[in-house]
Protein backbone atom coordinates (compact mmCIF):
# COMPACT_ATOMS: atom_id res chain seq x y z
CA MET A 1 4.29 30.44 -7.99
CA ALA A 2 3.71 33.90 -9.52
CA ASP A 3 2.76 34.23 -13.18
CA VAL A 4 5.68 35.21 -15.44
CA LEU A 5 4.81 37.97 -17.96
CA SER A 6 6.10 37.81 -21.52
CA GLN A 7 8.05 40.73 -22.98
CA GLY A 8 4.96 41.76 -25.00
CA GLU A 9 2.77 41.83 -21.89
CA ILE A 10 5.39 43.92 -20.06
CA ASP A 11 5.54 46.42 -22.93
CA ALA A 12 1.71 46.67 -23.02
CA LEU A 13 1.56 47.21 -19.27
CA LEU A 14 4.20 49.97 -19.34
CA SER A 15 2.43 51.61 -22.31
CA ALA A 16 -0.90 51.59 -20.45
CA ILE A 17 0.65 53.25 -17.40
CA SER A 18 2.46 55.90 -19.46
CA THR A 19 -0.69 56.83 -21.43
CA GLY A 20 -2.82 57.01 -18.31
CA GLU A 21 -5.08 54.10 -19.16
CA MET A 22 -3.92 52.37 -15.97
CA ASP A 23 -2.93 53.98 -12.66
CA ALA A 24 0.10 52.64 -10.81
CA GLU A 25 -1.53 53.42 -7.44
CA GLU A 26 -4.53 51.28 -8.37
CA LEU A 27 -2.19 48.42 -9.20
CA LYS A 28 -0.55 48.71 -5.76
CA LYS A 29 -3.97 48.78 -4.14
CA GLU A 30 -5.09 45.66 -6.01
CA GLU A 31 -1.86 43.89 -5.02
CA LEU A 32 -2.47 44.72 -1.32
CA GLU A 33 -6.07 43.52 -1.57
CA LYS A 34 -4.96 40.16 -2.94
CA LYS A 35 -2.83 39.56 0.15
CA VAL A 36 -5.94 39.62 2.38
CA LYS A 37 -7.45 36.15 2.71
CA VAL A 38 -10.78 35.45 4.32
CA TYR A 39 -10.50 32.79 7.08
CA ASP A 40 -13.52 30.97 8.42
CA PHE A 41 -12.84 29.86 12.00
CA LYS A 42 -15.72 27.42 11.79
CA ARG A 43 -13.78 25.60 9.02
CA ALA A 44 -10.44 25.29 10.77
CA LEU A 45 -7.87 23.48 8.62
CA ARG A 46 -6.33 21.18 11.21
CA PHE A 47 -4.68 18.75 8.84
CA SER A 48 -1.47 19.77 7.04
CA LYS A 49 -0.95 19.15 3.30
CA ASP A 50 1.54 16.35 4.13
CA GLN A 51 -1.07 14.63 6.29
CA ILE A 52 -3.72 14.97 3.61
CA ARG A 53 -1.34 13.43 1.05
CA SER A 54 -0.58 10.56 3.42
CA LEU A 55 -4.32 9.93 4.01
CA THR A 56 -4.86 9.97 0.24
CA ARG A 57 -2.08 7.40 -0.26
CA ILE A 58 -3.50 5.15 2.48
CA HIS A 59 -7.01 5.20 1.08
CA GLU A 60 -5.89 4.71 -2.52
CA ASN A 61 -4.48 1.44 -1.26
CA PHE A 62 -7.75 0.80 0.59
CA ALA A 63 -9.69 1.41 -2.64
CA ARG A 64 -7.58 -1.18 -4.48
CA LEU A 65 -8.11 -3.73 -1.69
CA LEU A 66 -11.88 -3.01 -1.67
CA THR A 67 -12.04 -3.48 -5.46
CA THR A 68 -10.48 -6.94 -5.10
CA PHE A 69 -12.70 -7.87 -2.13
CA PHE A 70 -16.02 -6.80 -3.68
CA SER A 71 -15.12 -8.33 -7.06
CA ALA A 72 -14.62 -11.70 -5.34
CA GLN A 73 -17.71 -11.43 -3.13
CA LEU A 74 -20.18 -10.09 -5.72
CA ARG A 75 -18.72 -11.91 -8.76
CA THR A 76 -19.21 -8.92 -11.06
CA PHE A 77 -17.33 -5.87 -12.37
CA VAL A 78 -16.32 -3.55 -9.53
CA GLN A 79 -14.26 -0.37 -9.76
CA ILE A 80 -13.43 1.81 -6.73
CA SER A 81 -11.13 4.85 -6.72
CA VAL A 82 -10.44 7.92 -4.55
CA THR A 83 -12.07 11.06 -6.01
CA SER A 84 -11.43 13.59 -3.22
CA VAL A 85 -10.00 14.05 0.28
CA ASP A 86 -11.44 17.09 2.09
CA GLN A 87 -11.43 18.46 5.59
CA LEU A 88 -14.63 20.13 6.78
CA PRO A 89 -16.84 20.46 9.88
CA TYR A 90 -18.76 17.35 10.90
CA GLU A 91 -22.04 19.28 10.53
CA GLU A 92 -21.26 20.03 6.91
CA PHE A 93 -20.48 16.36 6.22
CA VAL A 94 -23.88 15.37 7.67
CA ARG A 95 -25.65 17.92 5.42
CA SER A 96 -23.79 16.69 2.31
CA ILE A 97 -24.99 13.07 2.49
CA PRO A 98 -28.54 11.83 1.76
CA LYS A 99 -31.15 12.05 4.54
CA MET A 100 -31.60 8.29 4.39
CA THR A 101 -28.44 6.30 3.69
CA ILE A 102 -26.31 3.39 4.92
CA LEU A 103 -24.04 4.50 7.79
CA ASN A 104 -21.56 1.92 9.09
CA VAL A 105 -20.15 3.02 12.46
CA PHE A 106 -17.00 1.23 13.57
CA GLN A 107 -14.49 1.55 16.38
CA PRO A 108 -10.79 1.46 15.44
CA GLN A 109 -9.00 0.11 18.49
CA PRO A 110 -6.60 1.26 19.98
CA LEU A 111 -7.70 4.72 18.76
CA ASP A 112 -10.26 6.40 20.99
CA GLY A 113 -13.42 7.24 19.04
CA ARG A 114 -15.40 6.11 16.01
CA PHE A 115 -15.21 6.32 12.23
CA ILE A 116 -18.08 6.31 9.72
CA MET A 117 -18.31 4.58 6.37
CA GLU A 118 -21.30 6.05 4.50
CA VAL A 119 -22.46 3.92 1.54
CA ASN A 120 -24.87 5.43 -0.97
CA PRO A 121 -28.13 3.42 -1.00
CA ASN A 122 -27.81 2.78 -4.77
CA VAL A 123 -24.47 1.08 -4.23
CA ALA A 124 -25.56 -0.78 -1.06
CA TYR A 125 -28.68 -2.23 -2.70
CA ALA A 126 -26.72 -3.23 -5.81
CA MET A 127 -24.40 -5.19 -3.51
CA LEU A 128 -27.35 -6.74 -1.69
CA ASP A 129 -29.01 -7.76 -4.97
CA ARG A 130 -25.81 -9.47 -6.15
CA LEU A 131 -25.40 -11.31 -2.85
CA LEU A 132 -28.99 -12.63 -3.15
CA GLY A 133 -28.41 -13.88 -6.69
CA GLY A 134 -29.66 -10.91 -8.70
CA LYS A 135 -28.06 -8.90 -11.51
CA GLY A 136 -27.00 -6.01 -9.24
CA ILE A 137 -30.03 -3.81 -9.83
CA SER A 138 -30.45 -1.04 -7.24
CA VAL A 139 -33.85 -0.42 -5.61
CA ASN A 140 -33.59 2.37 -3.05
CA LYS A 141 -35.79 1.46 -0.09
CA VAL A 142 -33.37 2.30 2.69
CA ASP A 143 -36.19 3.57 4.93
CA SER A 144 -37.66 0.09 5.15
CA LEU A 145 -34.70 -2.25 5.62
CA THR A 146 -35.73 -5.69 6.86
CA GLU A 147 -33.83 -7.50 9.61
CA ILE A 148 -32.42 -9.98 7.09
CA GLU A 149 -31.19 -7.18 4.77
CA THR A 150 -29.65 -5.36 7.74
CA ARG A 151 -27.88 -8.51 8.85
CA ILE A 152 -26.48 -9.30 5.40
CA MET A 153 -25.20 -5.74 4.92
CA SER A 154 -23.66 -5.65 8.39
CA GLN A 155 -21.75 -8.86 7.75
CA LEU A 156 -20.55 -7.63 4.33
CA PHE A 157 -19.27 -4.28 5.61
CA GLN A 158 -17.74 -5.88 8.70
CA ARG A 159 -15.51 -7.92 6.38
CA THR A 160 -14.37 -4.75 4.52
CA LEU A 161 -12.73 -3.64 7.77
CA GLU A 162 -9.99 -6.24 7.19
CA SER A 163 -8.96 -4.29 4.08
CA PHE A 164 -9.16 -1.02 6.10
CA GLU A 165 -6.80 -2.46 8.73
CA GLU A 166 -4.36 -3.65 6.04
CA ALA A 167 -4.34 -0.22 4.38
CA TRP A 168 -3.53 1.46 7.74
CA SER A 169 -1.01 -1.14 8.87
CA SER A 170 1.97 1.00 7.78
CA VAL A 171 0.85 3.71 10.24
CA VAL A 172 -0.90 1.89 13.12
CA GLU A 173 -2.06 -1.64 13.83
CA LEU A 174 -5.84 -1.43 14.13
CA ASP A 175 -8.34 -3.92 15.54
CA THR A 176 -11.55 -2.56 14.02
CA GLN A 177 -15.00 -3.69 15.09
CA MET A 178 -18.39 -2.85 13.60
CA GLU A 179 -20.45 -1.00 16.20
CA ASP A 180 -23.71 -0.10 14.50
CA LEU A 181 -25.53 0.26 11.17
CA GLU A 182 -27.65 3.43 10.99
CA VAL A 183 -29.77 4.87 8.20
CA ASN A 184 -30.48 8.40 9.41
CA PRO A 185 -27.43 10.68 9.89
CA GLN A 186 -29.49 13.08 12.06
CA PHE A 187 -29.63 10.39 14.76
CA LEU A 188 -25.85 9.89 14.70
CA GLN A 189 -24.04 12.58 16.72
CA MET A 190 -20.53 11.14 16.66
CA VAL A 191 -18.59 14.35 17.43
CA SER A 192 -19.49 18.02 17.99
CA PRO A 193 -20.90 19.82 14.91
CA ASN A 194 -17.86 22.08 14.55
CA GLU A 195 -15.29 19.29 14.93
CA THR A 196 -13.00 19.02 11.87
CA VAL A 197 -13.23 15.73 10.01
CA VAL A 198 -11.52 14.33 6.91
CA VAL A 199 -13.90 12.92 4.35
CA ILE A 200 -12.47 10.49 1.78
CA SER A 201 -14.84 10.04 -1.16
CA LEU A 202 -14.58 6.79 -3.11
CA SER A 203 -16.23 6.61 -6.52
CA THR A 204 -17.79 3.17 -6.77
CA THR A 205 -19.12 1.28 -9.81
CA ILE A 206 -20.80 -2.13 -9.44
CA ALA A 207 -21.99 -3.61 -12.72
CA GLU A 208 -24.11 -0.79 -14.16
CA THR A 209 -24.73 0.99 -10.86
CA SER A 210 -22.58 3.92 -9.67
CA GLY A 211 -22.42 5.82 -6.41
CA MET A 212 -20.18 7.06 -3.64
CA ILE A 213 -18.67 5.58 -0.49
CA ASN A 214 -17.60 8.28 2.00
CA ILE A 215 -15.27 7.60 4.92
CA CYS A 216 -15.47 10.16 7.77
CA LEU A 217 -12.40 10.37 10.02
CA PRO A 218 -12.65 12.87 12.90
CA HIS A 219 -9.53 14.87 13.77
CA VAL A 220 -9.94 14.11 17.48
CA VAL A 221 -9.70 10.34 16.77
CA LEU A 222 -6.65 10.63 14.49
CA GLU A 223 -4.85 13.14 16.72
CA GLU A 224 -2.45 10.65 18.34
CA VAL A 225 -1.31 9.21 14.97
CA LEU A 226 -1.05 12.54 13.10
CA PRO A 227 2.76 12.78 13.57
CA LYS A 228 3.06 9.45 11.71
CA LEU A 229 1.22 10.94 8.71
CA SER A 230 3.83 13.61 8.13
CA LEU A 231 6.27 13.32 5.25
CA HIS A 232 9.41 13.04 7.39
CA TYR A 233 7.96 9.97 9.11
CA TRP A 234 7.35 8.22 5.77
CA MET A 235 10.86 9.07 4.57
CA GLN A 236 12.51 8.02 7.83
CA GLU A 237 14.36 4.71 7.59
CA LYS A 238 13.09 2.38 10.27
CA LYS A 239 15.35 -0.41 11.54
CA ARG A 240 13.33 -3.27 12.91
CA GLU A 241 15.09 -5.74 15.15
CA ARG A 242 14.70 -9.32 13.98
CA LYS A 243 12.98 -11.58 16.49
CA PRO A 244 14.95 -14.64 17.66
CA SER A 245 12.25 -16.93 16.29
CA GLU A 246 12.58 -15.34 12.85
CA PHE A 247 16.38 -15.71 12.96
CA ASN A 248 16.13 -19.38 13.97
CA SER A 249 13.57 -20.10 11.26
CA LEU A 250 15.73 -18.43 8.63
CA GLN A 251 18.82 -20.31 9.81
CA THR A 252 16.98 -23.65 9.77
CA ASN A 253 15.72 -23.08 6.20
CA VAL A 254 19.18 -22.04 4.99
CA ARG A 255 20.74 -25.16 6.54
CA LYS A 256 18.25 -27.34 4.64
CA ALA A 257 19.08 -25.74 1.28
CA PRO A 258 20.80 -28.32 -1.07
CA LEU A 259 24.31 -27.56 -2.34
CA LEU A 260 26.24 -29.30 -5.11
CA VAL A 261 29.62 -30.54 -3.82
CA GLN A 262 32.22 -31.78 -6.39
CA ALA A 263 35.72 -33.15 -5.93
CA GLN A 264 37.83 -32.62 -9.08
CA LEU A 265 40.48 -35.26 -9.85
CA GLY A 266 41.98 -33.13 -12.58
CA GLN A 267 41.43 -31.88 -16.11
CA ALA A 268 42.49 -32.97 -19.59
CA SER A 269 42.16 -31.54 -23.10
CA ILE A 270 41.82 -33.65 -26.21
CA THR A 271 40.89 -32.94 -29.81
CA ILE A 272 37.64 -33.93 -31.43
CA GLU A 273 39.52 -36.45 -33.58
CA GLU A 274 41.07 -38.06 -30.48
CA PHE A 275 37.66 -38.17 -28.81
CA LEU A 276 36.09 -39.95 -31.80
CA GLN A 277 38.87 -42.56 -31.78
CA LEU A 278 38.53 -43.45 -28.09
CA SER A 279 37.94 -47.10 -27.33
CA GLU A 280 37.76 -49.36 -24.28
CA GLY A 281 41.07 -49.52 -22.39
CA ASP A 282 42.40 -46.12 -23.59
CA ILE A 283 43.88 -43.89 -20.90
CA ILE A 284 43.36 -40.11 -20.64
CA THR A 285 46.17 -38.38 -18.75
CA LEU A 286 44.97 -35.66 -16.33
CA ASN A 287 46.92 -32.48 -15.56
CA GLN A 288 47.22 -33.30 -11.85
CA ALA A 289 49.72 -35.65 -10.17
CA ILE A 290 48.28 -38.45 -8.03
CA GLN A 291 50.11 -37.25 -4.88
CA LYS A 292 48.60 -33.74 -5.04
CA PRO A 293 45.37 -32.97 -3.09
CA LEU A 294 42.03 -32.68 -4.85
CA THR A 295 40.10 -29.43 -5.12
CA VAL A 296 36.58 -29.57 -3.68
CA TYR A 297 33.99 -27.20 -5.16
CA VAL A 298 30.87 -26.13 -3.19
CA GLY A 299 28.17 -24.47 -5.30
CA GLY A 300 30.75 -23.99 -8.09
CA GLU A 301 33.28 -22.20 -5.80
CA GLU A 302 36.64 -23.57 -4.68
CA LYS A 303 36.34 -24.22 -0.92
CA PHE A 304 38.53 -27.12 0.29
CA LEU A 305 41.52 -29.34 -0.48
CA ALA A 306 41.00 -33.08 0.07
CA GLN A 307 42.54 -36.51 -0.43
CA PRO A 308 40.69 -39.39 -2.10
CA GLY A 309 39.78 -42.63 -0.37
CA LYS A 310 37.05 -45.20 0.33
CA VAL A 311 34.34 -45.50 3.01
CA LYS A 312 32.45 -48.84 3.13
CA ASN A 313 33.47 -49.64 -0.46
CA LYS A 314 32.28 -46.22 -1.68
CA MET A 315 34.53 -43.52 -3.12
CA ALA A 316 34.97 -40.59 -0.71
CA VAL A 317 37.23 -37.63 -0.01
CA GLN A 318 38.69 -36.43 3.28
CA ILE A 319 38.94 -32.66 3.81
CA THR A 320 42.51 -31.70 4.64
CA GLU A 321 42.52 -27.93 4.31
CA LYS A 322 40.13 -24.99 3.90
CA MET A 323 41.05 -22.66 1.04
CA GLU A 324 41.24 -18.92 1.58
CA GLU A 325 38.44 -17.02 -0.08
CA ALA A 326 39.52 -14.80 -2.95
CA ASP A 327 38.69 -11.10 -2.83
CA THR A 328 35.82 -10.64 -5.29
CA ASN A 329 36.69 -6.94 -5.71
CA GLU A 330 40.06 -7.72 -7.27
């Protein structure tokens, strides 16, 4: 949206042009120059703004799920939130992360390709220290990970993929499997250097340690689900057919729901004084004749007409007629 000038700014601009302090031709030239935008073909923007917004929304949900998961696993204060969502060449992503870091490579079936979850060593070692009973102190020695440390970290990050699948469930049902844990990004050539990727940066705080978790999603892997990330897809009303098993289960549960059924013999009104003077043998006259049918209420609503009787020495009513339902809009 263009800037709107105030009346004072307009007057000052006109005064500068009239006095010769500012040339109108120069203004036109500057305006034309502003319309020229430098485009770097090596940094092709292949994701639309709608798709970036959808990815942001998905991973904000993922961050909330991760916060809950790590808080339960590490039994300490954990705070995770999305700080940025950028699209850039894969080569630039590799240059932006530490030379030695924790790289979790996983395969999101049925999508064809691999994603990367890069965890800053400070954060990864704070998690490891908590899992082993420590206070969450980070000691960066990623270049000398032992087999036990590698195994513990792999199992921990494998379990985070359940939260990843849940966050993406509104777009695609994923069956994600951990493929590898690498420490040197130079040895991990996942896609071509110029391939566009989306990098979601999650600011992570564990106890007193802070760092970043970066999720790298290549465009070529997301290509088949990109139409589902557009705004019109999210706004579209989807009608899902109910499965027969769901219908039967719902019907069975409804049939088992208890309902209060009452047969009303009639009504009577007396004063408080008459009520206080009641004694054994007194008769209260109802407003309904004995030969008239009784009204049966189901859940407080009039449903049937019935006649009184006995079944095996127990009082009962026999339904004689179903009452027409009143129009609730009247």
